[in-house]
N, C-alpha and C. Protein backbone atom coordinates (compact mmCIF):
# COMPACT_ATOMS: atom_id res chain seq x y z
N MET A 1 14.67 -12.76 4.48
CA MET A 1 14.92 -12.53 5.89
C MET A 1 14.34 -11.18 6.28
N GLU A 2 13.64 -11.12 7.36
CA GLU A 2 13.09 -9.87 7.85
C GLU A 2 13.82 -9.45 9.12
N ILE A 3 14.03 -8.15 9.27
CA ILE A 3 14.66 -7.62 10.47
C ILE A 3 13.80 -6.49 11.03
N ASP A 4 13.95 -6.22 12.31
CA ASP A 4 13.24 -5.11 12.94
C ASP A 4 13.79 -3.79 12.45
N ASP A 5 12.92 -2.79 12.35
CA ASP A 5 13.34 -1.46 11.91
C ASP A 5 14.47 -0.91 12.77
N GLU A 6 14.46 -1.21 14.06
CA GLU A 6 15.47 -0.69 14.98
C GLU A 6 16.86 -1.24 14.68
N GLU A 7 16.95 -2.35 13.94
CA GLU A 7 18.23 -2.97 13.63
C GLU A 7 18.85 -2.45 12.34
N ILE A 8 18.12 -1.60 11.59
CA ILE A 8 18.63 -1.06 10.34
C ILE A 8 19.63 0.05 10.66
N LEU A 9 20.82 -0.04 10.06
CA LEU A 9 21.88 0.93 10.29
C LEU A 9 22.21 1.69 9.01
N GLU A 10 22.82 2.84 9.17
CA GLU A 10 23.28 3.61 8.01
C GLU A 10 24.22 2.74 7.18
N GLY A 11 23.99 2.73 5.87
CA GLY A 11 24.82 1.93 4.97
C GLY A 11 24.23 0.57 4.64
N ASP A 12 23.21 0.13 5.37
CA ASP A 12 22.57 -1.16 5.07
C ASP A 12 21.86 -1.10 3.73
N LEU A 13 21.84 -2.20 3.02
CA LEU A 13 21.08 -2.34 1.77
C LEU A 13 19.85 -3.18 2.06
N LEU A 14 18.70 -2.69 1.62
CA LEU A 14 17.44 -3.39 1.86
C LEU A 14 16.78 -3.73 0.53
N VAL A 15 16.09 -4.85 0.48
CA VAL A 15 15.28 -5.21 -0.68
C VAL A 15 13.86 -4.78 -0.37
N LEU A 16 13.30 -3.94 -1.23
CA LEU A 16 11.94 -3.44 -1.05
C LEU A 16 11.03 -4.11 -2.07
N LYS A 17 9.87 -4.56 -1.60
CA LYS A 17 8.94 -5.28 -2.47
C LYS A 17 7.59 -4.59 -2.53
N LEU A 18 6.83 -4.95 -3.54
CA LEU A 18 5.49 -4.43 -3.76
C LEU A 18 4.66 -4.49 -2.48
N GLY A 19 4.03 -3.37 -2.14
CA GLY A 19 3.15 -3.31 -0.99
C GLY A 19 3.81 -2.91 0.32
N GLU A 20 5.14 -2.98 0.38
CA GLU A 20 5.83 -2.64 1.61
C GLU A 20 5.79 -1.14 1.88
N ILE A 21 5.78 -0.80 3.16
CA ILE A 21 5.91 0.59 3.57
C ILE A 21 7.37 0.80 3.95
N ILE A 22 7.98 1.82 3.38
CA ILE A 22 9.39 2.10 3.62
C ILE A 22 9.54 2.59 5.07
N SER A 23 10.40 1.93 5.84
CA SER A 23 10.50 2.23 7.26
C SER A 23 11.59 3.24 7.61
N VAL A 24 12.50 3.49 6.69
CA VAL A 24 13.58 4.46 6.93
C VAL A 24 13.85 5.25 5.66
N ASP A 25 14.34 6.47 5.80
CA ASP A 25 14.75 7.24 4.63
C ASP A 25 15.95 6.55 3.99
N GLY A 26 16.07 6.68 2.68
CA GLY A 26 17.20 6.05 2.01
C GLY A 26 17.36 6.51 0.58
N ILE A 27 18.30 5.89 -0.10
CA ILE A 27 18.61 6.17 -1.50
C ILE A 27 18.36 4.90 -2.30
N PHE A 28 17.63 5.04 -3.41
CA PHE A 28 17.35 3.91 -4.30
C PHE A 28 18.63 3.57 -5.04
N VAL A 29 19.08 2.31 -4.93
CA VAL A 29 20.38 1.93 -5.46
C VAL A 29 20.28 1.12 -6.75
N SER A 30 19.38 0.16 -6.82
CA SER A 30 19.41 -0.74 -7.97
C SER A 30 18.05 -1.34 -8.29
N SER A 31 17.71 -1.35 -9.55
CA SER A 31 16.54 -1.96 -10.15
C SER A 31 16.16 -1.10 -11.34
N ASN A 32 15.12 -1.46 -12.07
CA ASN A 32 14.67 -0.62 -13.17
C ASN A 32 14.01 0.65 -12.64
N PHE A 33 13.01 0.48 -11.80
CA PHE A 33 12.33 1.60 -11.17
C PHE A 33 11.33 1.05 -10.16
N ILE A 34 10.85 1.91 -9.29
CA ILE A 34 9.72 1.60 -8.45
C ILE A 34 8.78 2.81 -8.46
N ILE A 35 7.55 2.59 -8.12
CA ILE A 35 6.56 3.65 -7.99
C ILE A 35 6.15 3.70 -6.52
N THR A 36 6.21 4.90 -5.92
CA THR A 36 5.83 5.05 -4.52
C THR A 36 4.64 5.98 -4.36
N ASP A 37 3.91 5.76 -3.28
CA ASP A 37 2.80 6.63 -2.89
C ASP A 37 3.29 7.45 -1.70
N GLU A 38 3.55 8.74 -1.91
CA GLU A 38 4.06 9.62 -0.85
C GLU A 38 2.96 10.49 -0.26
N SER A 39 1.69 10.16 -0.55
CA SER A 39 0.58 11.01 -0.10
C SER A 39 0.49 11.09 1.42
N ALA A 40 0.91 10.07 2.13
CA ALA A 40 0.88 10.11 3.60
C ALA A 40 1.86 11.16 4.14
N ILE A 41 2.87 11.51 3.35
CA ILE A 41 3.89 12.46 3.78
C ILE A 41 3.58 13.88 3.28
N ASN A 42 3.21 13.99 2.00
CA ASN A 42 3.07 15.33 1.41
C ASN A 42 1.64 15.68 0.96
N SER A 43 0.69 14.81 1.19
CA SER A 43 -0.72 15.02 0.84
C SER A 43 -0.98 15.16 -0.66
N GLU A 44 0.00 14.87 -1.50
CA GLU A 44 -0.20 14.92 -2.95
C GLU A 44 -0.61 13.54 -3.44
N SER A 45 -1.57 13.49 -4.34
CA SER A 45 -2.08 12.22 -4.81
C SER A 45 -1.25 11.60 -5.94
N ASP A 46 -0.30 12.35 -6.51
CA ASP A 46 0.51 11.83 -7.61
C ASP A 46 1.42 10.71 -7.11
N LEU A 47 1.50 9.63 -7.90
CA LEU A 47 2.44 8.57 -7.60
C LEU A 47 3.82 9.00 -8.07
N ILE A 48 4.86 8.59 -7.36
CA ILE A 48 6.21 9.06 -7.61
C ILE A 48 7.08 7.92 -8.12
N LYS A 49 7.68 8.13 -9.30
CA LYS A 49 8.60 7.15 -9.87
C LYS A 49 9.99 7.37 -9.29
N LYS A 50 10.65 6.29 -8.92
CA LYS A 50 12.01 6.34 -8.38
C LYS A 50 12.93 5.52 -9.26
N THR A 51 14.09 6.09 -9.58
CA THR A 51 15.13 5.38 -10.31
C THR A 51 16.46 5.61 -9.61
N GLU A 52 17.52 5.04 -10.15
CA GLU A 52 18.84 5.16 -9.53
C GLU A 52 19.44 6.56 -9.67
N ASN A 53 18.97 7.35 -10.63
CA ASN A 53 19.57 8.64 -10.92
C ASN A 53 18.55 9.76 -10.87
N PHE A 54 19.03 10.97 -10.62
CA PHE A 54 18.18 12.15 -10.77
C PHE A 54 17.95 12.36 -12.26
N THR A 55 16.70 12.50 -12.66
CA THR A 55 16.37 12.69 -14.07
C THR A 55 15.00 13.36 -14.16
N SER A 56 14.51 13.54 -15.34
CA SER A 56 13.15 14.06 -15.52
C SER A 56 12.55 13.42 -16.76
N GLU A 57 11.21 13.42 -16.80
CA GLU A 57 10.51 12.93 -17.98
C GLU A 57 9.31 13.84 -18.24
N PHE A 58 9.04 14.07 -19.50
CA PHE A 58 7.93 14.93 -19.90
C PHE A 58 6.70 14.05 -20.08
N LYS A 59 5.64 14.31 -19.28
CA LYS A 59 4.45 13.47 -19.34
C LYS A 59 3.22 14.34 -19.11
N ASN A 60 2.24 14.20 -19.97
CA ASN A 60 0.99 14.96 -19.86
C ASN A 60 1.23 16.46 -19.78
N GLY A 61 2.18 16.94 -20.55
CA GLY A 61 2.45 18.37 -20.59
C GLY A 61 3.21 18.91 -19.39
N THR A 62 3.71 18.02 -18.55
CA THR A 62 4.43 18.44 -17.35
C THR A 62 5.79 17.76 -17.30
N ASN A 63 6.78 18.50 -16.85
CA ASN A 63 8.10 17.93 -16.64
C ASN A 63 8.16 17.35 -15.23
N ASN A 64 8.23 16.04 -15.11
CA ASN A 64 8.24 15.36 -13.81
C ASN A 64 9.67 14.98 -13.44
N TYR A 65 10.09 15.43 -12.28
CA TYR A 65 11.43 15.12 -11.82
C TYR A 65 11.42 13.79 -11.08
N ILE A 66 12.42 12.97 -11.38
CA ILE A 66 12.54 11.64 -10.79
C ILE A 66 13.83 11.62 -9.99
N CYS A 67 13.75 11.19 -8.74
CA CYS A 67 14.96 11.15 -7.92
C CYS A 67 15.04 9.83 -7.17
N PRO A 68 16.22 9.49 -6.68
CA PRO A 68 16.41 8.22 -6.00
C PRO A 68 16.12 8.26 -4.49
N ILE A 69 15.62 9.38 -3.98
CA ILE A 69 15.42 9.51 -2.53
C ILE A 69 14.12 8.81 -2.11
N LEU A 70 14.24 7.89 -1.14
CA LEU A 70 13.10 7.17 -0.60
C LEU A 70 12.76 7.77 0.77
N ILE A 71 11.49 7.99 1.02
CA ILE A 71 11.05 8.65 2.25
C ILE A 71 10.32 7.66 3.13
N SER A 72 10.70 7.60 4.40
CA SER A 72 10.04 6.67 5.32
C SER A 72 8.56 7.00 5.43
N GLY A 73 7.75 5.96 5.57
CA GLY A 73 6.31 6.12 5.66
C GLY A 73 5.58 6.04 4.35
N THR A 74 6.34 5.94 3.24
CA THR A 74 5.70 5.83 1.93
C THR A 74 5.63 4.34 1.53
N GLN A 75 4.76 4.06 0.57
CA GLN A 75 4.49 2.67 0.19
C GLN A 75 4.94 2.38 -1.24
N ILE A 76 5.46 1.18 -1.46
CA ILE A 76 5.83 0.70 -2.79
C ILE A 76 4.57 0.20 -3.49
N LEU A 77 4.20 0.83 -4.62
CA LEU A 77 2.99 0.42 -5.34
C LEU A 77 3.29 -0.37 -6.61
N GLU A 78 4.52 -0.26 -7.11
CA GLU A 78 4.88 -0.98 -8.33
C GLU A 78 6.39 -1.21 -8.33
N GLY A 79 6.78 -2.39 -8.81
CA GLY A 79 8.20 -2.71 -8.92
C GLY A 79 8.80 -3.20 -7.62
N GLN A 80 10.10 -3.40 -7.65
CA GLN A 80 10.86 -3.76 -6.44
C GLN A 80 12.29 -3.33 -6.65
N GLY A 81 12.99 -3.15 -5.57
CA GLY A 81 14.37 -2.67 -5.67
C GLY A 81 15.17 -2.97 -4.44
């Protein structure tokens, strides 16, 4: 079922799928993980991993912080939640 962005209210749970652009800010609640492209918001080319919890992972010599915050205007590139 699809709904208009204007009908989304605080507290609503949404299912996000591959390729979708996130229309509202939110918190990632459930799934293994998703990968988002936030370059339209912050001009950084790094893809951002999202999970249910704040955490970090060491990759390529860098400590990458992972958080559940979803930002409107960003796109889902991998996974669903």
